């Protein structure tokens, strides 16, 4: 859910490096990032 919100946030347009490890993220996170 947090990943889906992150993918829509306007304040990350300049983001170049992102790390989210050990959080049991699923394909839903990949789907959100892929559509961001």
ModelCIF file with pLDDT and N, C-alpha, C, O atoms, coordinates in Angstrom:
data_MODEL
#
_entry.id   MODEL 
#
_entity.id                         1 
_entity.type                       polymer 
_entity.pdbx_number_of_molecules   1 
#
_entity_poly.entity_id                      1 
_entity_poly.type                           'polypeptide(L)' 
_entity_poly.nstd_linkage                   no 
_entity_poly.nstd_monomer                   no 
_entity_poly.pdbx_seq_one_letter_code       
;(UNK)(UNK)(UNK)(UNK)(UNK)(UNK)(UNK)(UNK)(UNK)(UNK)(UNK)(UNK)(UNK)(UNK)(UNK)(UNK)
(UNK)(UNK)(UNK)(UNK)(UNK)(UNK)(UNK)(UNK)(UNK)(UNK)(UNK)(UNK)(UNK)(UNK)(UNK)(UNK)
(UNK)(UNK)(UNK)(UNK)
;
_entity_poly.pdbx_seq_one_letter_code_can   XXXXXXXXXXXXXXXXXXXXXXXXXXXXXXXXXXXX 
_entity_poly.pdbx_strand_id                 A 
#
loop_
_entity_poly_seq.entity_id 
_entity_poly_seq.num 
_entity_poly_seq.mon_id 
_entity_poly_seq.hetero 
1 1  UNK n 
1 2  UNK n 
1 3  UNK n 
1 4  UNK n 
1 5  UNK n 
1 6  UNK n 
1 7  UNK n 
1 8  UNK n 
1 9  UNK n 
1 10 UNK n 
1 11 UNK n 
1 12 UNK n 
1 13 UNK n 
1 14 UNK n 
1 15 UNK n 
1 16 UNK n 
1 17 UNK n 
1 18 UNK n 
1 19 UNK n 
1 20 UNK n 
1 21 UNK n 
1 22 UNK n 
1 23 UNK n 
1 24 UNK n 
1 25 UNK n 
1 26 UNK n 
1 27 UNK n 
1 28 UNK n 
1 29 UNK n 
1 30 UNK n 
1 31 UNK n 
1 32 UNK n 
1 33 UNK n 
1 34 UNK n 
1 35 UNK n 
1 36 UNK n 
#
_struct_asym.id          A 
_struct_asym.entity_id   1 
#
loop_
_ma_qa_metric.id 
_ma_qa_metric.mode 
_ma_qa_metric.name 
_ma_qa_metric.software_group_id 
_ma_qa_metric.type 
1 global pLDDT . pLDDT 
2 local  pLDDT . pLDDT 
#
_ma_qa_metric_global.metric_id      1 
_ma_qa_metric_global.metric_value   95.67 
_ma_qa_metric_global.model_id       1 
_ma_qa_metric_global.ordinal_id     1 
#
loop_
_ma_qa_metric_local.label_asym_id 
_ma_qa_metric_local.label_comp_id 
_ma_qa_metric_local.label_seq_id 
_ma_qa_metric_local.metric_id 
_ma_qa_metric_local.metric_value 
_ma_qa_metric_local.model_id 
_ma_qa_metric_local.ordinal_id 
A UNK 1  2 94.00 1 1  
A UNK 2  2 94.00 1 2  
A UNK 3  2 95.00 1 3  
A UNK 4  2 96.00 1 4  
A UNK 5  2 95.00 1 5  
A UNK 6  2 96.00 1 6  
A UNK 7  2 96.00 1 7  
A UNK 8  2 95.00 1 8  
A UNK 9  2 94.00 1 9  
A UNK 10 2 91.00 1 10 
A UNK 11 2 92.00 1 11 
A UNK 12 2 94.00 1 12 
A UNK 13 2 93.00 1 13 
A UNK 14 2 94.00 1 14 
A UNK 15 2 96.00 1 15 
A UNK 16 2 97.00 1 16 
A UNK 17 2 97.00 1 17 
A UNK 18 2 97.00 1 18 
A UNK 19 2 97.00 1 19 
A UNK 20 2 96.00 1 20 
A UNK 21 2 95.00 1 21 
A UNK 22 2 94.00 1 22 
A UNK 23 2 92.00 1 23 
A UNK 24 2 92.00 1 24 
A UNK 25 2 97.00 1 25 
A UNK 26 2 98.00 1 26 
A UNK 27 2 98.00 1 27 
A UNK 28 2 98.00 1 28 
A UNK 29 2 98.00 1 29 
A UNK 30 2 98.00 1 30 
A UNK 31 2 98.00 1 31 
A UNK 32 2 98.00 1 32 
A UNK 33 2 98.00 1 33 
A UNK 34 2 97.00 1 34 
A UNK 35 2 97.00 1 35 
A UNK 36 2 97.00 1 36 
#
loop_
_atom_site.group_PDB 
_atom_site.id 
_atom_site.type_symbol 
_atom_site.label_atom_id 
_atom_site.label_alt_id 
_atom_site.label_comp_id 
_atom_site.label_asym_id 
_atom_site.label_entity_id 
_atom_site.label_seq_id 
_atom_site.pdbx_PDB_ins_code 
_atom_site.Cartn_x 
_atom_site.Cartn_y 
_atom_site.Cartn_z 
_atom_site.occupancy 
_atom_site.B_iso_or_equiv 
_atom_site.pdbx_formal_charge 
_atom_site.auth_seq_id 
_atom_site.auth_comp_id 
_atom_site.auth_asym_id 
_atom_site.auth_atom_id 
_atom_site.pdbx_PDB_model_num 
ATOM 1   N N  . UNK A 1 1  ? 0.833  -1.205 0.000   1.00 94.00 ? 1  UNK A N  1 
ATOM 2   C CA . UNK A 1 1  ? 0.000  0.000  0.000   1.00 94.00 ? 1  UNK A CA 1 
ATOM 3   C C  . UNK A 1 1  ? 0.868  1.256  0.000   1.00 94.00 ? 1  UNK A C  1 
ATOM 4   O O  . UNK A 1 1  ? 0.597  2.208  -0.732  1.00 94.00 ? 1  UNK A O  1 
ATOM 5   N N  . UNK A 1 2  ? 1.922  1.248  0.836   1.00 94.00 ? 2  UNK A N  1 
ATOM 6   C CA . UNK A 1 2  ? 2.835  2.391  0.879   1.00 94.00 ? 2  UNK A CA 1 
ATOM 7   C C  . UNK A 1 2  ? 3.562  2.543  -0.457  1.00 94.00 ? 2  UNK A C  1 
ATOM 8   O O  . UNK A 1 2  ? 3.783  3.661  -0.922  1.00 94.00 ? 2  UNK A O  1 
ATOM 9   N N  . UNK A 1 3  ? 3.931  1.421  -1.071  1.00 95.00 ? 3  UNK A N  1 
ATOM 10  C CA . UNK A 1 3  ? 4.604  1.466  -2.365  1.00 95.00 ? 3  UNK A CA 1 
ATOM 11  C C  . UNK A 1 3  ? 3.695  2.057  -3.430  1.00 95.00 ? 3  UNK A C  1 
ATOM 12  O O  . UNK A 1 3  ? 4.146  2.825  -4.280  1.00 95.00 ? 3  UNK A O  1 
ATOM 13  N N  . UNK A 1 4  ? 2.416  1.702  -3.388  1.00 96.00 ? 4  UNK A N  1 
ATOM 14  C CA . UNK A 1 4  ? 1.457  2.242  -4.363  1.00 96.00 ? 4  UNK A CA 1 
ATOM 15  C C  . UNK A 1 4  ? 1.306  3.747  -4.185  1.00 96.00 ? 4  UNK A C  1 
ATOM 16  O O  . UNK A 1 4  ? 1.212  4.482  -5.167  1.00 96.00 ? 4  UNK A O  1 
ATOM 17  N N  . UNK A 1 5  ? 1.282  4.213  -2.923  1.00 95.00 ? 5  UNK A N  1 
ATOM 18  C CA . UNK A 1 5  ? 1.207  5.660  -2.658  1.00 95.00 ? 5  UNK A CA 1 
ATOM 19  C C  . UNK A 1 5  ? 2.485  6.359  -3.112  1.00 95.00 ? 5  UNK A C  1 
ATOM 20  O O  . UNK A 1 5  ? 2.436  7.452  -3.677  1.00 95.00 ? 5  UNK A O  1 
ATOM 21  N N  . UNK A 1 6  ? 3.629  5.721  -2.862  1.00 96.00 ? 6  UNK A N  1 
ATOM 22  C CA . UNK A 1 6  ? 4.919  6.286  -3.277  1.00 96.00 ? 6  UNK A CA 1 
ATOM 23  C C  . UNK A 1 6  ? 4.961  6.482  -4.786  1.00 96.00 ? 6  UNK A C  1 
ATOM 24  O O  . UNK A 1 6  ? 5.441  7.506  -5.274  1.00 96.00 ? 6  UNK A O  1 
ATOM 25  N N  . UNK A 1 7  ? 4.460  5.505  -5.514  1.00 96.00 ? 7  UNK A N  1 
ATOM 26  C CA . UNK A 1 7  ? 4.508  5.561  -6.975  1.00 96.00 ? 7  UNK A CA 1 
ATOM 27  C C  . UNK A 1 7  ? 3.713  6.730  -7.542  1.00 96.00 ? 7  UNK A C  1 
ATOM 28  O O  . UNK A 1 7  ? 3.950  7.162  -8.670  1.00 96.00 ? 7  UNK A O  1 
ATOM 29  N N  . UNK A 1 8  ? 2.761  7.246  -6.746  1.00 95.00 ? 8  UNK A N  1 
ATOM 30  C CA . UNK A 1 8  ? 1.915  8.354  -7.204  1.00 95.00 ? 8  UNK A CA 1 
ATOM 31  C C  . UNK A 1 8  ? 2.372  9.708  -6.672  1.00 95.00 ? 8  UNK A C  1 
ATOM 32  O O  . UNK A 1 8  ? 1.849  10.744 -7.081  1.00 95.00 ? 8  UNK A O  1 
ATOM 33  N N  . UNK A 1 9  ? 3.335  9.706  -5.772  1.00 94.00 ? 9  UNK A N  1 
ATOM 34  C CA . UNK A 1 9  ? 3.778  10.949 -5.135  1.00 94.00 ? 9  UNK A CA 1 
ATOM 35  C C  . UNK A 1 9  ? 4.499  11.859 -6.128  1.00 94.00 ? 9  UNK A C  1 
ATOM 36  O O  . UNK A 1 9  ? 5.349  11.420 -6.902  1.00 94.00 ? 9  UNK A O  1 
ATOM 37  N N  . UNK A 1 10 ? 4.132  13.148 -6.080  1.00 91.00 ? 10 UNK A N  1 
ATOM 38  C CA . UNK A 1 10 ? 4.744  14.109 -7.005  1.00 91.00 ? 10 UNK A CA 1 
ATOM 39  C C  . UNK A 1 10 ? 6.151  14.512 -6.584  1.00 91.00 ? 10 UNK A C  1 
ATOM 40  O O  . UNK A 1 10 ? 6.945  14.979 -7.401  1.00 91.00 ? 10 UNK A O  1 
ATOM 41  N N  . UNK A 1 11 ? 6.450  14.328 -5.312  1.00 92.00 ? 11 UNK A N  1 
ATOM 42  C CA . UNK A 1 11 ? 7.728  14.813 -4.781  1.00 92.00 ? 11 UNK A CA 1 
ATOM 43  C C  . UNK A 1 11 ? 8.911  13.906 -5.117  1.00 92.00 ? 11 UNK A C  1 
ATOM 44  O O  . UNK A 1 11 ? 10.028 14.169 -4.671  1.00 92.00 ? 11 UNK A O  1 
ATOM 45  N N  . UNK A 1 12 ? 8.689  12.852 -5.889  1.00 94.00 ? 12 UNK A N  1 
ATOM 46  C CA . UNK A 1 12 ? 9.798  11.916 -6.199  1.00 94.00 ? 12 UNK A CA 1 
ATOM 47  C C  . UNK A 1 12 ? 10.218 11.996 -7.673  1.00 94.00 ? 12 UNK A C  1 
ATOM 48  O O  . UNK A 1 12 ? 10.920 11.114 -8.168  1.00 94.00 ? 12 UNK A O  1 
ATOM 49  N N  . UNK A 1 13 ? 9.796  13.029 -8.355  1.00 93.00 ? 13 UNK A N  1 
ATOM 50  C CA . UNK A 1 13 ? 10.129 13.110 -9.781  1.00 93.00 ? 13 UNK A CA 1 
ATOM 51  C C  . UNK A 1 13 ? 11.633 13.167 -10.031 1.00 93.00 ? 13 UNK A C  1 
ATOM 52  O O  . UNK A 1 13 ? 12.105 12.762 -11.093 1.00 93.00 ? 13 UNK A O  1 
ATOM 53  N N  . UNK A 1 14 ? 12.392 13.673 -9.042  1.00 94.00 ? 14 UNK A N  1 
ATOM 54  C CA . UNK A 1 14 ? 13.844 13.758 -9.189  1.00 94.00 ? 14 UNK A CA 1 
ATOM 55  C C  . UNK A 1 14 ? 14.557 12.517 -8.650  1.00 94.00 ? 14 UNK A C  1 
ATOM 56  O O  . UNK A 1 14 ? 15.784 12.436 -8.707  1.00 94.00 ? 14 UNK A O  1 
ATOM 57  N N  . UNK A 1 15 ? 13.797 11.548 -8.128  1.00 96.00 ? 15 UNK A N  1 
ATOM 58  C CA . UNK A 1 15 ? 14.381 10.357 -7.506  1.00 96.00 ? 15 UNK A CA 1 
ATOM 59  C C  . UNK A 1 15 ? 15.161 9.513  -8.515  1.00 96.00 ? 15 UNK A C  1 
ATOM 60  O O  . UNK A 1 15 ? 14.674 9.215  -9.606  1.00 96.00 ? 15 UNK A O  1 
ATOM 61  N N  . UNK A 1 16 ? 16.407 9.128  -8.117  1.00 97.00 ? 16 UNK A N  1 
ATOM 62  C CA . UNK A 1 16 ? 17.252 8.305  -8.987  1.00 97.00 ? 16 UNK A CA 1 
ATOM 63  C C  . UNK A 1 16 ? 17.588 6.948  -8.367  1.00 97.00 ? 16 UNK A C  1 
ATOM 64  O O  . UNK A 1 16 ? 17.842 5.986  -9.093  1.00 97.00 ? 16 UNK A O  1 
ATOM 65  N N  . UNK A 1 17 ? 17.594 6.860  -7.034  1.00 97.00 ? 17 UNK A N  1 
ATOM 66  C CA . UNK A 1 17 ? 17.967 5.609  -6.363  1.00 97.00 ? 17 UNK A CA 1 
ATOM 67  C C  . UNK A 1 17 ? 16.936 5.281  -5.287  1.00 97.00 ? 17 UNK A C  1 
ATOM 68  O O  . UNK A 1 17 ? 16.660 6.093  -4.404  1.00 97.00 ? 17 UNK A O  1 
ATOM 69  N N  . UNK A 1 18 ? 16.370 4.071  -5.377  1.00 97.00 ? 18 UNK A N  1 
ATOM 70  C CA . UNK A 1 18 ? 15.333 3.659  -4.438  1.00 97.00 ? 18 UNK A CA 1 
ATOM 71  C C  . UNK A 1 18 ? 15.626 2.260  -3.905  1.00 97.00 ? 18 UNK A C  1 
ATOM 72  O O  . UNK A 1 18 ? 15.870 1.332  -4.676  1.00 97.00 ? 18 UNK A O  1 
ATOM 73  N N  . UNK A 1 19 ? 15.602 2.117  -2.572  1.00 97.00 ? 19 UNK A N  1 
ATOM 74  C CA . UNK A 1 19 ? 15.840 0.825  -1.922  1.00 97.00 ? 19 UNK A CA 1 
ATOM 75  C C  . UNK A 1 19 ? 14.708 0.530  -0.944  1.00 97.00 ? 19 UNK A C  1 
ATOM 76  O O  . UNK A 1 19 ? 14.403 1.344  -0.073  1.00 97.00 ? 19 UNK A O  1 
ATOM 77  N N  . UNK A 1 20 ? 14.092 -0.632 -1.092  1.00 96.00 ? 20 UNK A N  1 
ATOM 78  C CA . UNK A 1 20 ? 13.083 -1.105 -0.135  1.00 96.00 ? 20 UNK A CA 1 
ATOM 79  C C  . UNK A 1 20 ? 13.317 -2.607 0.034   1.00 96.00 ? 20 UNK A C  1 
ATOM 80  O O  . UNK A 1 20 ? 12.836 -3.399 -0.777  1.00 96.00 ? 20 UNK A O  1 
ATOM 81  N N  . UNK A 1 21 ? 14.035 -3.002 1.056   1.00 95.00 ? 21 UNK A N  1 
ATOM 82  C CA . UNK A 1 21 ? 14.407 -4.414 1.226   1.00 95.00 ? 21 UNK A CA 1 
ATOM 83  C C  . UNK A 1 21 ? 13.758 -5.015 2.469   1.00 95.00 ? 21 UNK A C  1 
ATOM 84  O O  . UNK A 1 21 ? 13.548 -4.334 3.472   1.00 95.00 ? 21 UNK A O  1 
ATOM 85  N N  . UNK A 1 22 ? 13.447 -6.307 2.376   1.00 94.00 ? 22 UNK A N  1 
ATOM 86  C CA . UNK A 1 22 ? 12.956 -7.055 3.527   1.00 94.00 ? 22 UNK A CA 1 
ATOM 87  C C  . UNK A 1 22 ? 11.568 -6.671 3.993   1.00 94.00 ? 22 UNK A C  1 
ATOM 88  O O  . UNK A 1 22 ? 11.303 -6.696 5.194   1.00 94.00 ? 22 UNK A O  1 
ATOM 89  N N  . UNK A 1 23 ? 10.668 -6.314 3.078   1.00 92.00 ? 23 UNK A N  1 
ATOM 90  C CA . UNK A 1 23 ? 9.334  -5.846 3.472   1.00 92.00 ? 23 UNK A CA 1 
ATOM 91  C C  . UNK A 1 23 ? 8.201  -6.705 2.919   1.00 92.00 ? 23 UNK A C  1 
ATOM 92  O O  . UNK A 1 23 ? 7.039  -6.308 3.012   1.00 92.00 ? 23 UNK A O  1 
ATOM 93  N N  . UNK A 1 24 ? 8.498  -7.851 2.357   1.00 92.00 ? 24 UNK A N  1 
ATOM 94  C CA . UNK A 1 24 ? 7.484  -8.758 1.796   1.00 92.00 ? 24 UNK A CA 1 
ATOM 95  C C  . UNK A 1 24 ? 6.636  -8.099 0.712   1.00 92.00 ? 24 UNK A C  1 
ATOM 96  O O  . UNK A 1 24 ? 5.453  -8.405 0.560   1.00 92.00 ? 24 UNK A O  1 
ATOM 97  N N  . UNK A 1 25 ? 7.250  -7.203 -0.026  1.00 97.00 ? 25 UNK A N  1 
ATOM 98  C CA . UNK A 1 25 ? 6.544  -6.567 -1.142  1.00 97.00 ? 25 UNK A CA 1 
ATOM 99  C C  . UNK A 1 25 ? 6.244  -7.611 -2.215  1.00 97.00 ? 25 UNK A C  1 
ATOM 100 O O  . UNK A 1 25 ? 7.052  -8.508 -2.452  1.00 97.00 ? 25 UNK A O  1 
ATOM 101 N N  . UNK A 1 26 ? 5.096  -7.496 -2.856  1.00 98.00 ? 26 UNK A N  1 
ATOM 102 C CA . UNK A 1 26 ? 4.660  -8.470 -3.847  1.00 98.00 ? 26 UNK A CA 1 
ATOM 103 C C  . UNK A 1 26 ? 4.637  -7.862 -5.243  1.00 98.00 ? 26 UNK A C  1 
ATOM 104 O O  . UNK A 1 26 ? 5.157  -6.771 -5.474  1.00 98.00 ? 26 UNK A O  1 
ATOM 105 N N  . UNK A 1 27 ? 4.023  -8.590 -6.160  1.00 98.00 ? 27 UNK A N  1 
ATOM 106 C CA . UNK A 1 27 ? 3.899  -8.122 -7.539  1.00 98.00 ? 27 UNK A CA 1 
ATOM 107 C C  . UNK A 1 27 ? 3.108  -6.824 -7.627  1.00 98.00 ? 27 UNK A C  1 
ATOM 108 O O  . UNK A 1 27 ? 3.238  -6.087 -8.604  1.00 98.00 ? 27 UNK A O  1 
ATOM 109 N N  . UNK A 1 28 ? 2.279  -6.532 -6.606  1.00 98.00 ? 28 UNK A N  1 
ATOM 110 C CA . UNK A 1 28 ? 1.513  -5.283 -6.609  1.00 98.00 ? 28 UNK A CA 1 
ATOM 111 C C  . UNK A 1 28 ? 2.432  -4.063 -6.599  1.00 98.00 ? 28 UNK A C  1 
ATOM 112 O O  . UNK A 1 28 ? 2.136  -3.051 -7.234  1.00 98.00 ? 28 UNK A O  1 
ATOM 113 N N  . UNK A 1 29 ? 3.536  -4.163 -5.882  1.00 98.00 ? 29 UNK A N  1 
ATOM 114 C CA . UNK A 1 29 ? 4.514  -3.071 -5.869  1.00 98.00 ? 29 UNK A CA 1 
ATOM 115 C C  . UNK A 1 29 ? 5.140  -2.898 -7.248  1.00 98.00 ? 29 UNK A C  1 
ATOM 116 O O  . UNK A 1 29 ? 5.291  -1.776 -7.731  1.00 98.00 ? 29 UNK A O  1 
ATOM 117 N N  . UNK A 1 30 ? 5.505  -4.016 -7.879  1.00 98.00 ? 30 UNK A N  1 
ATOM 118 C CA . UNK A 1 30 ? 6.079  -3.950 -9.226  1.00 98.00 ? 30 UNK A CA 1 
ATOM 119 C C  . UNK A 1 30 ? 5.085  -3.335 -10.207 1.00 98.00 ? 30 UNK A C  1 
ATOM 120 O O  . UNK A 1 30 ? 5.462  -2.546 -11.073 1.00 98.00 ? 30 UNK A O  1 
ATOM 121 N N  . UNK A 1 31 ? 3.820  -3.701 -10.064 1.00 98.00 ? 31 UNK A N  1 
ATOM 122 C CA . UNK A 1 31 ? 2.767  -3.158 -10.937 1.00 98.00 ? 31 UNK A CA 1 
ATOM 123 C C  . UNK A 1 31 ? 2.653  -1.650 -10.754 1.00 98.00 ? 31 UNK A C  1 
ATOM 124 O O  . UNK A 1 31 ? 2.546  -0.909 -11.732 1.00 98.00 ? 31 UNK A O  1 
ATOM 125 N N  . UNK A 1 32 ? 2.674  -1.190 -9.490  1.00 98.00 ? 32 UNK A N  1 
ATOM 126 C CA . UNK A 1 32 ? 2.567  0.237  -9.194  1.00 98.00 ? 32 UNK A CA 1 
ATOM 127 C C  . UNK A 1 32 ? 3.760  1.016  -9.731  1.00 98.00 ? 32 UNK A C  1 
ATOM 128 O O  . UNK A 1 32 ? 3.593  2.074  -10.339 1.00 98.00 ? 32 UNK A O  1 
ATOM 129 N N  . UNK A 1 33 ? 4.970  0.492  -9.506  1.00 98.00 ? 33 UNK A N  1 
ATOM 130 C CA . UNK A 1 33 ? 6.171  1.172  -9.995  1.00 98.00 ? 33 UNK A CA 1 
ATOM 131 C C  . UNK A 1 33 ? 6.208  1.189  -11.525 1.00 98.00 ? 33 UNK A C  1 
ATOM 132 O O  . UNK A 1 33 ? 6.619  2.178  -12.131 1.00 98.00 ? 33 UNK A O  1 
ATOM 133 N N  . UNK A 1 34 ? 5.779  0.099  -12.136 1.00 97.00 ? 34 UNK A N  1 
ATOM 134 C CA . UNK A 1 34 ? 5.775  0.011  -13.588 1.00 97.00 ? 34 UNK A CA 1 
ATOM 135 C C  . UNK A 1 34 ? 4.809  0.964  -14.246 1.00 97.00 ? 34 UNK A C  1 
ATOM 136 O O  . UNK A 1 34 ? 5.002  1.353  -15.399 1.00 97.00 ? 34 UNK A O  1 
ATOM 137 N N  . UNK A 1 35 ? 3.761  1.349  -13.519 1.00 97.00 ? 35 UNK A N  1 
ATOM 138 C CA . UNK A 1 35 ? 2.758  2.260  -14.067 1.00 97.00 ? 35 UNK A CA 1 
ATOM 139 C C  . UNK A 1 35 ? 2.964  3.705  -13.619 1.00 97.00 ? 35 UNK A C  1 
ATOM 140 O O  . UNK A 1 35 ? 2.211  4.591  -14.024 1.00 97.00 ? 35 UNK A O  1 
ATOM 141 N N  . UNK A 1 36 ? 3.974  3.950  -12.788 1.00 97.00 ? 36 UNK A N  1 
ATOM 142 C CA . UNK A 1 36 ? 4.181  5.280  -12.208 1.00 97.00 ? 36 UNK A CA 1 
ATOM 143 C C  . UNK A 1 36 ? 4.532  6.326  -13.258 1.00 97.00 ? 36 UNK A C  1 
ATOM 144 O O  . UNK A 1 36 ? 4.735  7.493  -12.923 1.00 97.00 ? 36 UNK A O  1 
#
